[in-house]
Amino acid sequence: MDLGLRERAYLVTGASSGVGLATARLLLDEGCSLAVCARDGDRLARELGPDGDRLVTTAADVLDPEAVARLTDAARRRFGRLDGVVNNAGGSLMAPWPDTTRTQWREELELKLFSVLNTVEATLPLLSASDAGAVVNVNAILARQPEPRLAATSAARAALLNLTRTLADDLGPRGIRVNSVCLGLIDTGQWRRRHEAEGGALDYTRWSARLAADRGIPLGRLGTAEEVAFPIASLLSPRSAYITGATVDVGGGVGRYV
């Protein structure tokens, strides 16, 4: 199926690994132009290649509004347009609430909210000029199903889900759609690092299957970054022109809400 993405331009944050990298690769394969950023600019360039007619790579912290503005301006100068944004920068703080400092609470909220606000504010003029402006916020099932071991992250994810709905309502009249993709356990570097930290008594396949069973994932395994990239690209697509304010779960059925 042609998603109608060819020759459009998108901005992807946190694109040096995991879901961000898989999304960037898929969009390039679809014939898109991309402006991408990550804090590790060298890794970004190694993974996606040198800048060219269809690619702008920049080392940037999305919590710095000026850095995001520079990336947006680079996209405008290179591509002359911007049709969508994938807000993927983020992380998780493994700590129950009694062990979470006030500073950590603030940092989690700032990362989950201002990383999105900064990109939306910077790109709004270009998105408004597009005939298919779209924002996809990569979130987590934690937003609706909090995890006590991730207290601050769960709360911050819930705040982002709420913000996404607000942005969808506010930007819809301007022709800009805003949606969420909420992730469960995805097989990215963090889980492999945790497997190594535990000593690797089981091989990774059996260890991750046991993890999936422990977390109650009906499909019995972790997801892959590529399995997340496709729903993201689908929500960016003009074929999804009547979808906004929606949430797509990519979690193997781990969500227990209805």
Protein backbone atom coordinates (compact mmCIF):
# COMPACT_ATOMS: atom_id res chain seq x y z
CA MET A 1 0.00 0.00 0.00
CA ASP A 2 1.21 3.47 -0.88
CA LEU A 3 1.02 5.53 2.32
CA GLY A 4 1.36 8.78 0.41
CA LEU A 5 4.55 9.77 2.23
CA ARG A 6 6.88 10.05 -0.75
CA GLU A 7 8.43 13.50 -1.21
CA ARG A 8 7.05 14.71 2.10
CA ALA A 9 9.33 15.91 4.90
CA TYR A 10 9.33 14.93 8.55
CA LEU A 11 11.24 15.65 11.74
CA VAL A 12 12.10 12.77 14.09
CA THR A 13 13.63 13.25 17.53
CA GLY A 14 15.62 10.63 19.42
CA ALA A 15 16.54 9.01 16.12
CA SER A 16 19.91 7.46 16.90
CA SER A 17 18.57 4.14 18.22
CA GLY A 18 15.51 2.04 18.94
CA VAL A 19 12.10 3.25 17.81
CA GLY A 20 13.39 6.58 16.54
CA LEU A 21 16.00 4.95 14.33
CA ALA A 22 13.56 2.33 12.99
CA THR A 23 11.06 5.09 12.20
CA ALA A 24 13.67 7.20 10.43
CA ARG A 25 14.77 4.24 8.30
CA LEU A 26 11.19 3.38 7.36
CA LEU A 27 10.39 6.96 6.36
CA LEU A 28 13.55 7.15 4.24
CA ASP A 29 12.56 3.87 2.57
CA GLU A 30 9.16 5.44 1.84
CA GLY A 31 10.88 8.26 -0.06
CA CYS A 32 10.56 10.95 2.60
CA SER A 33 12.98 13.71 3.47
CA LEU A 34 14.03 13.76 7.11
CA ALA A 35 15.45 16.11 9.70
CA VAL A 36 16.55 14.00 12.65
CA CYS A 37 18.22 14.71 15.96
CA ALA A 38 19.66 12.96 18.98
CA ARG A 39 22.04 13.93 21.72
CA ASP A 40 24.66 11.59 20.22
CA GLY A 41 25.25 13.18 16.83
CA ASP A 42 28.10 10.85 15.91
CA ARG A 43 25.98 7.75 16.41
CA LEU A 44 23.15 9.37 14.47
CA ALA A 45 25.43 9.94 11.48
CA ARG A 46 26.82 6.39 11.69
CA GLU A 47 23.35 4.83 11.72
CA LEU A 48 21.70 6.95 9.02
CA GLY A 49 24.62 8.12 6.91
CA PRO A 50 25.83 11.57 5.93
CA ASP A 51 23.56 14.52 5.29
CA GLY A 52 22.24 14.73 1.76
CA ASP A 53 19.34 15.98 -0.29
CA ARG A 54 16.87 13.97 1.82
CA LEU A 55 18.56 13.90 5.23
CA VAL A 56 19.61 16.44 7.84
CA THR A 57 21.21 15.04 11.02
CA THR A 58 21.87 17.23 14.04
CA ALA A 59 23.11 16.68 17.58
CA ALA A 60 20.47 18.42 19.66
CA ASP A 61 18.85 18.32 23.07
CA VAL A 62 15.09 18.64 22.59
CA LEU A 63 14.85 20.38 25.96
CA ASP A 64 16.73 23.31 24.41
CA PRO A 65 14.19 25.40 22.45
CA GLU A 66 16.95 27.14 20.49
CA ALA A 67 18.44 23.82 19.38
CA VAL A 68 15.03 22.62 18.20
CA ALA A 69 14.48 25.91 16.38
CA ARG A 70 17.82 25.51 14.59
CA LEU A 71 16.91 21.98 13.50
CA THR A 72 13.55 23.18 12.23
CA ASP A 73 15.18 26.01 10.31
CA ALA A 74 17.67 23.57 8.78
CA ALA A 75 14.72 21.43 7.60
CA ARG A 76 13.00 24.47 6.13
CA ARG A 77 16.10 25.56 4.25
CA ARG A 78 16.88 22.07 2.95
CA PHE A 79 13.38 20.82 2.12
CA GLY A 80 11.25 23.95 1.92
CA ARG A 81 8.51 22.21 3.92
CA LEU A 82 7.71 20.06 6.92
CA ASP A 83 4.69 17.77 6.99
CA GLY A 84 5.01 16.11 10.35
CA VAL A 85 6.87 15.52 13.58
CA VAL A 86 7.62 12.34 15.52
CA ASN A 87 8.34 13.17 19.16
CA ASN A 88 10.31 10.16 20.31
CA ALA A 89 12.89 11.51 22.76
CA GLY A 90 12.45 10.09 26.24
CA GLY A 91 13.47 7.48 28.75
CA SER A 92 12.40 5.72 31.92
CA LEU A 93 13.31 6.19 35.56
CA MET A 94 13.19 2.89 37.41
CA ALA A 95 12.25 3.90 40.95
CA PRO A 96 9.18 3.64 43.21
CA TRP A 97 7.79 6.93 44.46
CA PRO A 98 9.45 6.86 47.94
CA ASP A 99 12.85 6.54 46.26
CA THR A 100 12.26 9.29 43.70
CA THR A 101 13.68 12.71 44.53
CA ARG A 102 11.87 15.97 43.84
CA THR A 103 14.52 16.73 41.24
CA GLN A 104 13.86 13.44 39.47
CA TRP A 105 10.11 14.11 39.45
CA ARG A 106 10.72 17.50 37.84
CA GLU A 107 13.18 16.07 35.31
CA GLU A 108 10.74 13.37 34.21
CA LEU A 109 7.90 15.85 33.76
CA GLU A 110 10.14 18.30 31.93
CA LEU A 111 11.48 15.67 29.55
CA LYS A 112 8.10 14.19 28.66
CA LEU A 113 6.30 17.53 28.25
CA PHE A 114 8.80 20.14 27.10
CA SER A 115 10.42 17.85 24.53
CA VAL A 116 7.03 17.86 22.80
CA LEU A 117 6.12 21.50 23.41
CA ASN A 118 9.47 22.68 22.05
CA THR A 119 9.12 20.78 18.77
CA VAL A 120 5.46 21.66 18.26
CA GLU A 121 6.09 25.36 18.87
CA ALA A 122 9.12 25.42 16.56
CA THR A 123 7.48 23.52 13.71
CA LEU A 124 3.97 25.00 13.92
CA PRO A 125 4.33 27.49 11.03
CA LEU A 126 5.58 24.75 8.68
CA LEU A 127 3.01 22.20 9.81
CA SER A 128 0.25 24.78 9.32
CA ALA A 129 1.40 25.29 5.73
CA SER A 130 1.24 21.55 4.96
CA ASP A 131 -1.85 19.94 3.47
CA ALA A 132 -1.29 16.94 5.77
CA GLY A 133 0.30 18.24 8.96
CA ALA A 134 0.68 15.56 11.63
CA VAL A 135 2.31 15.06 15.01
CA VAL A 136 2.89 11.63 16.54
CA ASN A 137 3.93 11.50 20.17
CA VAL A 138 5.64 8.27 21.17
CA ASN A 139 4.33 7.49 24.63
CA ALA A 140 3.90 4.38 26.79
CA ILE A 141 1.10 2.18 28.06
CA LEU A 142 2.30 3.38 31.47
CA ALA A 143 0.29 6.52 30.74
CA ARG A 144 -2.91 4.55 31.33
CA GLN A 145 -1.61 1.62 33.34
CA PRO A 146 0.91 2.95 35.88
CA GLU A 147 3.80 0.79 37.02
CA PRO A 148 4.77 1.26 40.72
CA ARG A 149 8.43 0.61 39.86
CA LEU A 150 8.28 3.55 37.43
CA ALA A 151 6.32 6.03 39.49
CA ALA A 152 7.58 9.33 38.08
CA THR A 153 7.73 8.05 34.51
CA SER A 154 4.16 6.74 34.74
CA ALA A 155 2.89 10.10 35.96
CA ALA A 156 4.82 12.02 33.33
CA ARG A 157 3.56 9.71 30.59
CA ALA A 158 -0.01 10.32 31.75
CA ALA A 159 0.61 14.07 31.55
CA LEU A 160 1.89 13.67 27.99
CA LEU A 161 -1.19 11.67 26.99
CA ASN A 162 -3.36 14.47 28.34
CA LEU A 163 -1.28 17.12 26.56
CA THR A 164 -1.57 15.20 23.29
CA ARG A 165 -5.35 15.32 23.50
CA THR A 166 -5.23 19.06 24.21
CA LEU A 167 -2.96 19.66 21.22
CA ALA A 168 -5.25 17.59 18.99
CA ASP A 169 -8.20 19.77 19.96
CA ASP A 170 -6.28 23.02 19.58
CA LEU A 171 -4.46 22.26 16.33
CA GLY A 172 -7.23 20.40 14.53
CA PRO A 173 -8.80 23.62 13.18
CA ARG A 174 -5.41 24.42 11.63
CA GLY A 175 -5.42 21.09 9.79
CA ILE A 176 -2.81 19.49 12.05
CA ARG A 177 -3.54 16.03 13.48
CA VAL A 178 -1.98 14.95 16.80
CA ASN A 179 -1.94 11.31 17.91
CA SER A 180 -0.18 9.00 20.34
CA VAL A 181 1.51 5.64 19.96
CA CYS A 182 1.76 3.98 23.37
CA LEU A 183 4.38 1.30 23.78
CA GLY A 184 4.61 -1.75 25.94
CA LEU A 185 7.86 -3.68 26.28
CA ILE A 186 9.89 -3.12 23.13
CA ASP A 187 13.13 -4.97 22.41
CA THR A 188 15.59 -2.09 22.41
CA GLY A 189 18.99 -1.61 23.97
CA GLN A 190 17.73 -1.04 27.51
CA TRP A 191 16.40 -4.59 27.87
CA ARG A 192 19.55 -6.15 26.43
CA ARG A 193 21.63 -4.08 28.84
CA ARG A 194 19.47 -5.27 31.73
CA HIS A 195 19.91 -8.87 30.58
CA GLU A 196 23.69 -8.40 30.57
CA ALA A 197 23.60 -6.73 33.98
CA GLU A 198 21.82 -9.75 35.43
CA GLY A 199 24.66 -11.98 34.31
CA GLY A 200 23.10 -13.69 31.32
CA ALA A 201 22.34 -17.03 33.02
CA LEU A 202 19.64 -17.50 30.36
CA ASP A 203 20.16 -16.63 26.71
CA TYR A 204 18.37 -13.44 25.69
CA THR A 205 15.52 -15.20 23.87
CA ARG A 206 14.54 -17.25 26.91
CA TRP A 207 15.18 -14.35 29.28
CA SER A 208 12.95 -11.98 27.29
CA ALA A 209 10.22 -14.65 27.00
CA ARG A 210 10.28 -15.04 30.77
CA LEU A 211 10.08 -11.25 31.13
CA ALA A 212 7.07 -11.18 28.80
CA ALA A 213 5.35 -13.89 30.84
CA ASP A 214 6.09 -12.05 34.09
CA ARG A 215 4.56 -8.85 32.68
CA GLY A 216 1.47 -10.66 31.40
CA ILE A 217 1.98 -10.04 27.66
CA PRO A 218 -0.50 -12.29 25.81
CA LEU A 219 1.69 -12.55 22.71
CA GLY A 220 4.48 -13.94 24.88
CA ARG A 221 7.35 -11.80 23.64
CA LEU A 222 8.72 -8.28 23.47
CA GLY A 223 7.90 -6.10 20.48
CA THR A 224 10.45 -4.79 18.01
CA ALA A 225 11.24 -1.23 17.05
CA GLU A 226 10.16 -1.98 13.48
CA GLU A 227 6.74 -3.05 14.75
CA VAL A 228 6.37 0.40 16.29
CA ALA A 229 7.67 2.29 13.27
CA PHE A 230 4.84 1.15 11.01
CA PRO A 231 1.98 2.50 13.19
CA ILE A 232 3.89 5.77 13.50
CA ALA A 233 4.28 6.05 9.72
CA SER A 234 0.61 5.13 9.29
CA LEU A 235 -0.49 7.96 11.57
CA LEU A 236 1.72 10.41 9.66
CA SER A 237 0.17 9.28 6.38
CA PRO A 238 -2.45 11.43 4.64
CA ARG A 239 -4.48 8.22 4.44
CA SER A 240 -5.09 8.71 8.19
CA ALA A 241 -6.54 12.16 7.55
CA TYR A 242 -9.57 11.61 9.82
CA ILE A 243 -7.63 10.32 12.83
CA THR A 244 -6.66 12.80 15.54
CA GLY A 245 -6.61 12.69 19.32
CA ALA A 246 -6.30 8.91 19.08
CA THR A 247 -4.02 6.46 20.88
CA VAL A 248 -2.64 3.32 19.27
CA ASP A 249 -1.24 0.73 21.68
CA VAL A 250 1.72 -1.35 20.54
CA GLY A 251 2.19 -3.65 23.49
CA GLY A 252 1.33 -7.21 22.57
CA GLY A 253 -1.94 -6.94 24.50
CA VAL A 254 -0.36 -5.96 27.83
CA GLY A 255 -2.86 -3.13 28.37
CA ARG A 256 -5.62 -4.23 30.74
CA TYR A 257 -7.91 -1.23 30.25
CA VAL A 258 -10.86 -1.10 27.84
